[in-house]
Amino acid sequence: MYFVYLLECADKTFYIGSTNDLDKRLHAHNNLKSGAHYTKIRRPVVLKYSEECASYAEARTREGELKRLSRAEKLSLIK
């Protein structure tokens, strides 16, 4: 099982990614050097949205779709 997720950073920007272990990845974004550079300089981050995907390919495709949404569309998705 894979996940695509949307994080809100401390500066109110969004970060979208995909993973097969959501809890571990969220921990990395908030605490480790292995977290994405974008989130490392904008900590703390909060998980605002996630969805399950059947495969890595599906998660990456969905990640691309979410990244192309406008900020307003991302806010609507969160609600």
Foldseek 3Di string as FASTA:
>chain_A
DKKWFWKQFQVRDIDIDMDPDVVVLLCCLAPHPPHDPVSVVGDDIDTQDMDDDPDPVRNVVVSVVQVPDDPVVVVVVSD
